[in-house]
């Protein structure tokens, strides 16, 4: 199966962003494929079947969804009318500083991170349908971004970043507002916990709080704490530290970065605390681990 690589779309190292307005022809089938970047898809008009994670969904104008890396999916356009979509491709690092602020919004985390993971639940619809006014607002933003990306006039990168942040905030807000008018979807506690675990695995380097994550699941802190430990065998903080140390080990093995820089890269602002956590999980300090690794090679 085809794997699309970011290097083929992101031609500026400090600007890993790409947008295209693509037309799927009548009856056209786009075979199953995946990519190593994040993709947001917005359906402008038309209708198509979208298959992903073993389920098939009917897409119509105004539908929007996020695809994280390594998710295989395919499209089959209606035989009656072509389907036009915006494909927005970007690396998670594209808005690194801004993402830290956005992740403080529960509605953003829910729309952008948790909804994609919950698509594994058969009863859960993994895309969001915008209301007519909402659709026009997002379409206007995407058209501006698309025009700026093609024309590349002075200051285009700043305009694209600004408009893209606005899009993400608006989409998160629409998701939160529209969800109130829909029938609640039956998502089990197990499915919620699996989604949270995936979220922690991806965002181990960010500050995550019990209050934030329990609110996303609609649970009390005590209930969330009990269910998370039942699922993983660890508290949220212990699980997050284990993931951080796992990534630190990889960096020690594959780079020559200083221990301080590795600590910062995996989300520890205090190198002394990082050293204590590393020893707790591996039985040795980062320096000892690297020296023994070098001795073996």
C-alpha atoms as a PDB file:
ATOM      1  CA  UNK A   1       0.000   0.000   0.000  1.00  0.00           C
ATOM      2  CA  UNK A   2       1.078   3.579  -0.678  1.00  0.00           C
ATOM      3  CA  UNK A   3       2.721   5.660   2.043  1.00  0.00           C
ATOM      4  CA  UNK A   4       2.929   9.398   1.368  1.00  0.00           C
ATOM      5  CA  UNK A   5       5.977  11.102   2.891  1.00  0.00           C
ATOM      6  CA  UNK A   6       6.106  14.627   4.219  1.00  0.00           C
ATOM      7  CA  UNK A   7       9.396  15.258   2.408  1.00  0.00           C
ATOM      8  CA  UNK A   8       7.476  15.181  -0.879  1.00  0.00           C
ATOM      9  CA  UNK A   9       5.126  17.963   0.242  1.00  0.00           C
ATOM     10  CA  UNK A  10       7.052  20.116   2.718  1.00  0.00           C
ATOM     11  CA  UNK A  11       9.725  21.891   0.696  1.00  0.00           C
ATOM     12  CA  UNK A  12      10.764  24.329   3.428  1.00  0.00           C
ATOM     13  CA  UNK A  13      12.255  22.756   6.525  1.00  0.00           C
ATOM     14  CA  UNK A  14      10.904  25.442   8.863  1.00  0.00           C
ATOM     15  CA  UNK A  15       7.444  25.421   7.274  1.00  0.00           C
ATOM     16  CA  UNK A  16       6.064  21.838   7.196  1.00  0.00           C
ATOM     17  CA  UNK A  17       2.672  22.773   5.751  1.00  0.00           C
ATOM     18  CA  UNK A  18       0.850  22.006   2.516  1.00  0.00           C
ATOM     19  CA  UNK A  19      -2.698  22.637   1.313  1.00  0.00           C
ATOM     20  CA  UNK A  20      -4.452  21.456  -1.829  1.00  0.00           C
ATOM     21  CA  UNK A  21      -7.974  21.753  -3.218  1.00  0.00           C
ATOM     22  CA  UNK A  22      -8.558  18.379  -4.810  1.00  0.00           C
ATOM     23  CA  UNK A  23     -11.375  17.118  -7.037  1.00  0.00           C
ATOM     24  CA  UNK A  24     -12.315  13.442  -6.831  1.00  0.00           C
ATOM     25  CA  UNK A  25     -13.918  12.590 -10.158  1.00  0.00           C
ATOM     26  CA  UNK A  26     -17.278  10.822 -10.505  1.00  0.00           C
ATOM     27  CA  UNK A  27     -16.896   7.155  -9.629  1.00  0.00           C
ATOM     28  CA  UNK A  28     -13.167   7.569  -8.958  1.00  0.00           C
ATOM     29  CA  UNK A  29     -11.603   5.262  -6.391  1.00  0.00           C
ATOM     30  CA  UNK A  30      -8.543   6.430  -4.478  1.00  0.00           C
ATOM     31  CA  UNK A  31      -6.856   3.253  -3.189  1.00  0.00           C
ATOM     32  CA  UNK A  32      -5.969   2.723   0.443  1.00  0.00           C
ATOM     33  CA  UNK A  33      -2.979   4.786   1.536  1.00  0.00           C
ATOM     34  CA  UNK A  34      -1.438   6.412   4.579  1.00  0.00           C
ATOM     35  CA  UNK A  35       1.061   9.176   5.386  1.00  0.00           C
ATOM     36  CA  UNK A  36       3.655  10.164   7.971  1.00  0.00           C
ATOM     37  CA  UNK A  37       2.111  13.574   8.686  1.00  0.00           C
ATOM     38  CA  UNK A  38      -1.167  14.903  10.066  1.00  0.00           C
ATOM     39  CA  UNK A  39      -3.978  15.581   7.585  1.00  0.00           C
ATOM     40  CA  UNK A  40      -7.196  17.535   7.952  1.00  0.00           C
ATOM     41  CA  UNK A  41      -9.854  16.987   5.284  1.00  0.00           C
ATOM     42  CA  UNK A  42     -12.756  19.335   4.625  1.00  0.00           C
ATOM     43  CA  UNK A  43     -15.467  18.345   2.116  1.00  0.00           C
ATOM     44  CA  UNK A  44     -16.520  21.383   0.067  1.00  0.00           C
ATOM     45  CA  UNK A  45     -19.129  19.668  -2.075  1.00  0.00           C
ATOM     46  CA  UNK A  46     -20.156  16.285  -3.408  1.00  0.00           C
ATOM     47  CA  UNK A  47     -20.406  12.890  -1.782  1.00  0.00           C
ATOM     48  CA  UNK A  48     -17.984  10.006  -1.298  1.00  0.00           C
ATOM     49  CA  UNK A  49     -17.512   6.834   0.665  1.00  0.00           C
ATOM     50  CA  UNK A  50     -14.568   6.999   3.033  1.00  0.00           C
ATOM     51  CA  UNK A  51     -13.105   3.777   4.399  1.00  0.00           C
ATOM     52  CA  UNK A  52     -10.771   3.805   7.404  1.00  0.00           C
ATOM     53  CA  UNK A  53     -10.027   1.601  10.395  1.00  0.00           C
ATOM     54  CA  UNK A  54     -12.198  -1.132   8.955  1.00  0.00           C
ATOM     55  CA  UNK A  55     -15.353   0.987   8.705  1.00  0.00           C
ATOM     56  CA  UNK A  56     -16.982   2.843   5.814  1.00  0.00           C
ATOM     57  CA  UNK A  57     -18.593   6.261   6.172  1.00  0.00           C
ATOM     58  CA  UNK A  58     -20.637   8.470   3.850  1.00  0.00           C
ATOM     59  CA  UNK A  59     -19.074  11.908   3.476  1.00  0.00           C
ATOM     60  CA  UNK A  60     -21.072  14.957   2.387  1.00  0.00           C
ATOM     61  CA  UNK A  61     -20.414  18.689   2.063  1.00  0.00           C
ATOM     62  CA  UNK A  62     -19.438  20.276   5.374  1.00  0.00           C
ATOM     63  CA  UNK A  63     -17.818  17.168   6.856  1.00  0.00           C
ATOM     64  CA  UNK A  64     -14.383  17.643   8.388  1.00  0.00           C
ATOM     65  CA  UNK A  65     -12.036  15.170  10.046  1.00  0.00           C
ATOM     66  CA  UNK A  66      -8.452  14.731  11.207  1.00  0.00           C
ATOM     67  CA  UNK A  67      -6.215  11.820  10.238  1.00  0.00           C
ATOM     68  CA  UNK A  68      -3.165  11.193  12.376  1.00  0.00           C
ATOM     69  CA  UNK A  69      -0.104   9.508  10.794  1.00  0.00           C
ATOM     70  CA  UNK A  70      -0.142   5.827   9.818  1.00  0.00           C
ATOM     71  CA  UNK A  71      -3.914   5.484   9.390  1.00  0.00           C
ATOM     72  CA  UNK A  72      -4.847   3.715   6.153  1.00  0.00           C
ATOM     73  CA  UNK A  73      -7.896   5.070   4.340  1.00  0.00           C
ATOM     74  CA  UNK A  74      -9.458   5.223   0.882  1.00  0.00           C
ATOM     75  CA  UNK A  75     -12.169   7.109  -1.024  1.00  0.00           C
ATOM     76  CA  UNK A  76     -14.784   6.164  -3.586  1.00  0.00           C
ATOM     77  CA  UNK A  77     -16.585   9.102  -5.154  1.00  0.00           C
ATOM     78  CA  UNK A  78     -20.280   9.091  -5.970  1.00  0.00           C
ATOM     79  CA  UNK A  79     -21.071   8.186  -9.563  1.00  0.00           C
ATOM     80  CA  UNK A  80     -23.440  11.143  -9.813  1.00  0.00           C
ATOM     81  CA  UNK A  81     -21.247  14.102  -8.883  1.00  0.00           C
ATOM     82  CA  UNK A  82     -17.588  14.913  -8.343  1.00  0.00           C
ATOM     83  CA  UNK A  83     -16.386  15.605  -4.795  1.00  0.00           C
ATOM     84  CA  UNK A  84     -14.199  18.575  -3.919  1.00  0.00           C
ATOM     85  CA  UNK A  85     -12.088  18.547  -0.761  1.00  0.00           C
ATOM     86  CA  UNK A  86      -9.425  20.623   0.914  1.00  0.00           C
ATOM     87  CA  UNK A  87      -6.482  18.539   2.098  1.00  0.00           C
ATOM     88  CA  UNK A  88      -4.386  20.283   4.730  1.00  0.00           C
ATOM     89  CA  UNK A  89      -1.125  18.469   5.446  1.00  0.00           C
ATOM     90  CA  UNK A  90       1.234  19.449   8.237  1.00  0.00           C
ATOM     91  CA  UNK A  91       3.698  18.193  10.816  1.00  0.00           C
ATOM     92  CA  UNK A  92       2.714  18.357  14.470  1.00  0.00           C
ATOM     93  CA  UNK A  93       5.700  20.687  14.927  1.00  0.00           C
ATOM     94  CA  UNK A  94       4.236  23.257  12.518  1.00  0.00           C
ATOM     95  CA  UNK A  95       2.543  25.184  15.331  1.00  0.00           C
ATOM     96  CA  UNK A  96       4.616  23.847  18.199  1.00  0.00           C
ATOM     97  CA  UNK A  97       4.351  26.889  20.476  1.00  0.00           C
ATOM     98  CA  UNK A  98       0.766  27.615  19.506  1.00  0.00           C
ATOM     99  CA  UNK A  99      -0.191  23.969  20.075  1.00  0.00           C
ATOM    100  CA  UNK A 100       0.854  24.275  23.707  1.00  0.00           C
ATOM    101  CA  UNK A 101      -1.756  27.008  24.111  1.00  0.00           C
ATOM    102  CA  UNK A 102      -4.402  25.216  22.048  1.00  0.00           C
ATOM    103  CA  UNK A 103      -4.002  22.072  24.119  1.00  0.00           C
ATOM    104  CA  UNK A 104      -5.271  23.961  27.138  1.00  0.00           C
ATOM    105  CA  UNK A 105      -8.685  24.047  25.417  1.00  0.00           C
ATOM    106  CA  UNK A 106     -10.608  20.825  26.189  1.00  0.00           C
ATOM    107  CA  UNK A 107     -12.692  21.279  23.018  1.00  0.00           C
ATOM    108  CA  UNK A 108      -9.522  21.406  20.883  1.00  0.00           C
ATOM    109  CA  UNK A 109      -8.013  18.288  22.465  1.00  0.00           C
ATOM    110  CA  UNK A 110     -11.308  16.459  22.034  1.00  0.00           C
ATOM    111  CA  UNK A 111     -11.757  17.410  18.373  1.00  0.00           C
ATOM    112  CA  UNK A 112      -8.150  17.211  17.237  1.00  0.00           C
ATOM    113  CA  UNK A 113      -6.725  14.281  19.218  1.00  0.00           C
ATOM    114  CA  UNK A 114      -9.342  12.123  20.907  1.00  0.00           C
ATOM    115  CA  UNK A 115     -11.964  11.934  18.157  1.00  0.00           C
ATOM    116  CA  UNK A 116      -9.511  10.315  15.677  1.00  0.00           C
ATOM    117  CA  UNK A 117      -8.627   7.582  18.174  1.00  0.00           C
ATOM    118  CA  UNK A 118     -12.283   6.913  18.956  1.00  0.00           C
ATOM    119  CA  UNK A 119     -12.957   6.049  15.326  1.00  0.00           C
ATOM    120  CA  UNK A 120     -12.102   2.467  16.262  1.00  0.00           C
ATOM    121  CA  UNK A 121     -15.478   2.368  17.998  1.00  0.00           C
ATOM    122  CA  UNK A 122     -17.992   1.173  15.444  1.00  0.00           C
ATOM    123  CA  UNK A 123     -20.805   3.321  16.840  1.00  0.00           C
ATOM    124  CA  UNK A 124     -18.670   6.467  16.789  1.00  0.00           C
ATOM    125  CA  UNK A 125     -18.742   8.778  13.759  1.00  0.00           C
ATOM    126  CA  UNK A 126     -15.146  10.015  13.352  1.00  0.00           C
ATOM    127  CA  UNK A 127     -15.936  13.162  11.374  1.00  0.00           C
ATOM    128  CA  UNK A 128     -17.719  16.336  12.255  1.00  0.00           C
ATOM    129  CA  UNK A 129     -20.591  17.791  10.203  1.00  0.00           C
ATOM    130  CA  UNK A 130     -20.637  21.576  10.150  1.00  0.00           C
ATOM    131  CA  UNK A 131     -23.768  23.667  10.019  1.00  0.00           C
ATOM    132  CA  UNK A 132     -24.233  25.842   6.863  1.00  0.00           C
ATOM    133  CA  UNK A 133     -22.908  29.044   8.472  1.00  0.00           C
ATOM    134  CA  UNK A 134     -20.002  27.183  10.057  1.00  0.00           C
ATOM    135  CA  UNK A 135     -19.164  25.544   6.728  1.00  0.00           C
ATOM    136  CA  UNK A 136     -18.962  28.917   4.976  1.00  0.00           C
ATOM    137  CA  UNK A 137     -16.701  30.333   7.682  1.00  0.00           C
ATOM    138  CA  UNK A 138     -14.213  27.447   7.532  1.00  0.00           C
ATOM    139  CA  UNK A 139     -14.355  27.355   3.728  1.00  0.00           C
ATOM    140  CA  UNK A 140     -13.505  31.068   3.603  1.00  0.00           C
ATOM    141  CA  UNK A 141     -10.496  30.559   5.887  1.00  0.00           C
ATOM    142  CA  UNK A 142      -9.250  27.572   3.876  1.00  0.00           C
ATOM    143  CA  UNK A 143      -9.651  29.431   0.592  1.00  0.00           C
ATOM    144  CA  UNK A 144      -7.530  32.302   1.936  1.00  0.00           C
ATOM    145  CA  UNK A 145      -4.875  29.839   3.125  1.00  0.00           C
ATOM    146  CA  UNK A 146      -4.962  28.062  -0.235  1.00  0.00           C
ATOM    147  CA  UNK A 147      -4.560  31.306  -2.193  1.00  0.00           C
ATOM    148  CA  UNK A 148      -1.699  32.482   0.019  1.00  0.00           C
ATOM    149  CA  UNK A 149       0.039  29.105  -0.259  1.00  0.00           C
ATOM    150  CA  UNK A 150      -0.139  29.165  -4.070  1.00  0.00           C
ATOM    151  CA  UNK A 151       0.796  32.820  -4.587  1.00  0.00           C
ATOM    152  CA  UNK A 152       3.481  32.999  -1.880  1.00  0.00           C
ATOM    153  CA  UNK A 153       3.523  36.759  -1.640  1.00  0.00           C
ATOM    154  CA  UNK A 154       5.460  38.576   1.049  1.00  0.00           C
ATOM    155  CA  UNK A 155       4.289  37.550   4.519  1.00  0.00           C
ATOM    156  CA  UNK A 156       2.302  34.555   3.263  1.00  0.00           C
ATOM    157  CA  UNK A 157       3.645  32.233   5.957  1.00  0.00           C
ATOM    158  CA  UNK A 158       2.438  34.514   8.734  1.00  0.00           C
ATOM    159  CA  UNK A 159      -1.023  34.811   7.162  1.00  0.00           C
ATOM    160  CA  UNK A 160      -1.242  31.034   6.739  1.00  0.00           C
ATOM    161  CA  UNK A 161      -0.233  30.374  10.345  1.00  0.00           C
ATOM    162  CA  UNK A 162      -2.674  32.961  11.666  1.00  0.00           C
ATOM    163  CA  UNK A 163      -5.584  31.688   9.592  1.00  0.00           C
ATOM    164  CA  UNK A 164      -4.775  28.053  10.383  1.00  0.00           C
ATOM    165  CA  UNK A 165      -4.805  28.751  14.122  1.00  0.00           C
ATOM    166  CA  UNK A 166      -8.182  30.461  13.682  1.00  0.00           C
ATOM    167  CA  UNK A 167      -9.459  27.420  11.763  1.00  0.00           C
ATOM    168  CA  UNK A 168      -8.424  25.062  14.536  1.00  0.00           C
ATOM    169  CA  UNK A 169     -10.042  27.216  17.212  1.00  0.00           C
ATOM    170  CA  UNK A 170     -13.269  27.608  15.231  1.00  0.00           C
ATOM    171  CA  UNK A 171     -13.458  23.903  14.437  1.00  0.00           C
ATOM    172  CA  UNK A 172     -12.928  23.015  18.087  1.00  0.00           C
ATOM    173  CA  UNK A 173     -15.636  25.451  19.121  1.00  0.00           C
ATOM    174  CA  UNK A 174     -18.062  24.146  16.478  1.00  0.00           C
ATOM    175  CA  UNK A 175     -17.385  20.574  17.569  1.00  0.00           C
ATOM    176  CA  UNK A 176     -18.164  21.451  21.161  1.00  0.00           C
ATOM    177  CA  UNK A 177     -21.287  23.461  20.330  1.00  0.00           C
ATOM    178  CA  UNK A 178     -22.769  21.034  17.817  1.00  0.00           C
ATOM    179  CA  UNK A 179     -22.173  18.024  20.036  1.00  0.00           C
ATOM    180  CA  UNK A 180     -24.669  19.434  22.527  1.00  0.00           C
ATOM    181  CA  UNK A 181     -27.486  19.057  19.974  1.00  0.00           C
ATOM    182  CA  UNK A 182     -26.661  15.457  19.060  1.00  0.00           C
ATOM    183  CA  UNK A 183     -27.534  12.224  20.754  1.00  0.00           C
ATOM    184  CA  UNK A 184     -24.620  11.184  22.957  1.00  0.00           C
ATOM    185  CA  UNK A 185     -22.529   8.390  21.487  1.00  0.00           C
ATOM    186  CA  UNK A 186     -22.047   5.328  23.636  1.00  0.00           C
ATOM    187  CA  UNK A 187     -18.301   5.148  24.195  1.00  0.00           C
ATOM    188  CA  UNK A 188     -17.201   2.658  26.822  1.00  0.00           C
ATOM    189  CA  UNK A 189     -14.819   3.505  29.643  1.00  0.00           C
ATOM    190  CA  UNK A 190     -12.323   1.100  28.092  1.00  0.00           C
ATOM    191  CA  UNK A 191     -12.454   2.957  24.776  1.00  0.00           C
ATOM    192  CA  UNK A 192     -12.006   6.304  26.529  1.00  0.00           C
ATOM    193  CA  UNK A 193      -8.988   5.000  28.427  1.00  0.00           C
ATOM    194  CA  UNK A 194      -7.410   3.550  25.284  1.00  0.00           C
ATOM    195  CA  UNK A 195      -7.839   6.950  23.610  1.00  0.00           C
ATOM    196  CA  UNK A 196      -6.269   8.752  26.563  1.00  0.00           C
ATOM    197  CA  UNK A 197      -3.356   6.317  26.562  1.00  0.00           C
ATOM    198  CA  UNK A 198      -2.793   7.050  22.860  1.00  0.00           C
ATOM    199  CA  UNK A 199      -2.940  10.767  23.601  1.00  0.00           C
ATOM    200  CA  UNK A 200      -0.306  10.458  26.346  1.00  0.00           C
ATOM    201  CA  UNK A 201       1.904   8.364  24.043  1.00  0.00           C
ATOM    202  CA  UNK A 202       1.852  11.184  21.480  1.00  0.00           C
ATOM    203  CA  UNK A 203       2.074  14.130  23.865  1.00  0.00           C
ATOM    204  CA  UNK A 204       4.296  12.824  26.633  1.00  0.00           C
ATOM    205  CA  UNK A 205       6.476  15.967  26.396  1.00  0.00           C
ATOM    206  CA  UNK A 206       3.546  18.298  27.192  1.00  0.00           C
ATOM    207  CA  UNK A 207       2.181  19.096  30.663  1.00  0.00           C
ATOM    208  CA  UNK A 208      -0.921  16.935  31.161  1.00  0.00           C
ATOM    209  CA  UNK A 209      -3.192  17.174  34.184  1.00  0.00           C
ATOM    210  CA  UNK A 210      -5.727  14.839  35.721  1.00  0.00           C
ATOM    211  CA  UNK A 211      -8.282  17.636  35.651  1.00  0.00           C
ATOM    212  CA  UNK A 212      -7.824  18.231  31.936  1.00  0.00           C
ATOM    213  CA  UNK A 213      -8.046  14.588  30.875  1.00  0.00           C
ATOM    214  CA  UNK A 214     -10.840  13.591  33.241  1.00  0.00           C
ATOM    215  CA  UNK A 215     -12.915  16.516  31.964  1.00  0.00           C
ATOM    216  CA  UNK A 216     -12.455  15.300  28.400  1.00  0.00           C
ATOM    217  CA  UNK A 217     -13.884  11.926  29.362  1.00  0.00           C
ATOM    218  CA  UNK A 218     -16.731  13.431  31.366  1.00  0.00           C
ATOM    219  CA  UNK A 219     -15.474  11.720  34.512  1.00  0.00           C
ATOM    220  CA  UNK A 220     -14.584  12.866  37.992  1.00  0.00           C
ATOM    221  CA  UNK A 221     -10.876  12.943  38.816  1.00  0.00           C
ATOM    222  CA  UNK A 222     -11.255  10.018  41.218  1.00  0.00           C
ATOM    223  CA  UNK A 223     -13.169   7.914  38.688  1.00  0.00           C
ATOM    224  CA  UNK A 224     -10.692   8.725  35.908  1.00  0.00           C
ATOM    225  CA  UNK A 225      -7.752   7.881  38.167  1.00  0.00           C
ATOM    226  CA  UNK A 226      -9.204   4.489  39.076  1.00  0.00           C
ATOM    227  CA  UNK A 227     -10.099   3.565  35.487  1.00  0.00           C
ATOM    228  CA  UNK A 228      -6.746   4.695  34.081  1.00  0.00           C
ATOM    229  CA  UNK A 229      -4.867   2.587  36.636  1.00  0.00           C
ATOM    230  CA  UNK A 230      -7.166  -0.357  35.939  1.00  0.00           C
ATOM    231  CA  UNK A 231      -6.307  -0.068  32.233  1.00  0.00           C
ATOM    232  CA  UNK A 232      -2.557   0.530  32.458  1.00  0.00           C
ATOM    233  CA  UNK A 233      -1.595  -0.668  35.925  1.00  0.00           C
ATOM    234  CA  UNK A 234      -0.091   2.766  36.591  1.00  0.00           C
ATOM    235  CA  UNK A 235      -1.201   6.209  37.647  1.00  0.00           C
ATOM    236  CA  UNK A 236      -1.372   8.860  34.911  1.00  0.00           C
ATOM    237  CA  UNK A 237       1.847  10.494  36.152  1.00  0.00           C
ATOM    238  CA  UNK A 238       3.749   7.210  36.422  1.00  0.00           C
ATOM    239  CA  UNK A 239       2.604   6.178  32.957  1.00  0.00           C
ATOM    240  CA  UNK A 240       3.645   9.535  31.488  1.00  0.00           C
ATOM    241  CA  UNK A 241       7.069   9.286  33.149  1.00  0.00           C
ATOM    242  CA  UNK A 242       7.524   5.757  31.777  1.00  0.00           C
ATOM    243  CA  UNK A 243       6.788   6.990  28.251  1.00  0.00           C
ATOM    244  CA  UNK A 244       9.146   9.953  28.673  1.00  0.00           C
ATOM    245  CA  UNK A 245      11.983   7.730  29.868  1.00  0.00           C
ATOM    246  CA  UNK A 246      11.370   5.295  27.015  1.00  0.00           C
ATOM    247  CA  UNK A 247      11.840   8.110  24.526  1.00  0.00           C
ATOM    248  CA  UNK A 248      14.868   9.403  26.440  1.00  0.00           C
ATOM    249  CA  UNK A 249      16.477   5.964  26.148  1.00  0.00           C
ATOM    250  CA  UNK A 250      15.927   6.061  22.383  1.00  0.00           C
ATOM    251  CA  UNK A 251      17.550   9.502  22.156  1.00  0.00           C
ATOM    252  CA  UNK A 252      20.520   8.345  24.226  1.00  0.00           C
ATOM    253  CA  UNK A 253      20.968   5.380  21.893  1.00  0.00           C
ATOM    254  CA  UNK A 254      20.498   7.198  18.598  1.00  0.00           C
ATOM    255  CA  UNK A 255      21.899  10.715  19.131  1.00  0.00           C
ATOM    256  CA  UNK A 256      24.866  12.483  20.679  1.00  0.00           C
ATOM    257  CA  UNK A 257      22.621  15.079  22.328  1.00  0.00           C
ATOM    258  CA  UNK A 258      23.565  16.247  25.788  1.00  0.00           C
ATOM    259  CA  UNK A 259      21.597  14.808  28.692  1.00  0.00           C
ATOM    260  CA  UNK A 260      20.175  18.250  29.483  1.00  0.00           C
ATOM    261  CA  UNK A 261      18.842  18.625  25.939  1.00  0.00           C
ATOM    262  CA  UNK A 262      17.344  15.133  26.001  1.00  0.00           C
ATOM    263  CA  UNK A 263      15.627  15.903  29.308  1.00  0.00           C
ATOM    264  CA  UNK A 264      14.074  19.013  27.761  1.00  0.00           C
ATOM    265  CA  UNK A 265      13.119  17.184  24.569  1.00  0.00           C
ATOM    266  CA  UNK A 266      11.084  14.577  26.466  1.00  0.00           C
ATOM    267  CA  UNK A 267       9.384  17.126  28.715  1.00  0.00           C
ATOM    268  CA  UNK A 268      11.502  17.412  31.869  1.00  0.00           C
ATOM    269  CA  UNK A 269      12.414  20.970  32.813  1.00  0.00           C
ATOM    270  CA  UNK A 270      14.464  19.857  35.830  1.00  0.00           C
ATOM    271  CA  UNK A 271      17.475  17.721  34.874  1.00  0.00           C
ATOM    272  CA  UNK A 272      17.932  16.490  38.466  1.00  0.00           C
ATOM    273  CA  UNK A 273      14.365  15.176  38.506  1.00  0.00           C
ATOM    274  CA  UNK A 274      14.942  13.647  35.072  1.00  0.00           C
ATOM    275  CA  UNK A 275      18.004  11.821  36.408  1.00  0.00           C
ATOM    276  CA  UNK A 276      15.989  10.475  39.356  1.00  0.00           C
ATOM    277  CA  UNK A 277      13.177   9.262  37.108  1.00  0.00           C
ATOM    278  CA  UNK A 278      15.659   7.699  34.681  1.00  0.00           C
ATOM    279  CA  UNK A 279      17.352   5.795  37.509  1.00  0.00           C
ATOM    280  CA  UNK A 280      13.970   4.712  38.867  1.00  0.00           C
ATOM    281  CA  UNK A 281      12.957   3.188  35.517  1.00  0.00           C
ATOM    282  CA  UNK A 282      16.313   1.837  34.298  1.00  0.00           C
ATOM    283  CA  UNK A 283      18.390   1.343  37.426  1.00  0.00           C
ATOM    284  CA  UNK A 284      21.087   3.757  36.230  1.00  0.00           C
ATOM    285  CA  UNK A 285      21.593   7.414  35.426  1.00  0.00           C
ATOM    286  CA  UNK A 286      21.484   8.680  31.822  1.00  0.00           C
ATOM    287  CA  UNK A 287      25.254   9.174  31.911  1.00  0.00           C
ATOM    288  CA  UNK A 288      25.853   5.621  33.127  1.00  0.00           C
ATOM    289  CA  UNK A 289      23.470   4.259  30.500  1.00  0.00           C
ATOM    290  CA  UNK A 290      25.331   6.046  27.689  1.00  0.00           C
ATOM    291  CA  UNK A 291      28.783   5.028  28.978  1.00  0.00           C
ATOM    292  CA  UNK A 292      27.764   1.368  29.139  1.00  0.00           C
ATOM    293  CA  UNK A 293      26.232   1.629  25.694  1.00  0.00           C
ATOM    294  CA  UNK A 294      29.435   3.107  24.296  1.00  0.00           C
ATOM    295  CA  UNK A 295      31.513   0.440  26.024  1.00  0.00           C
ATOM    296  CA  UNK A 296      29.548  -2.299  24.283  1.00  0.00           C
ATOM    297  CA  UNK A 297      30.126  -0.716  20.900  1.00  0.00           C
END
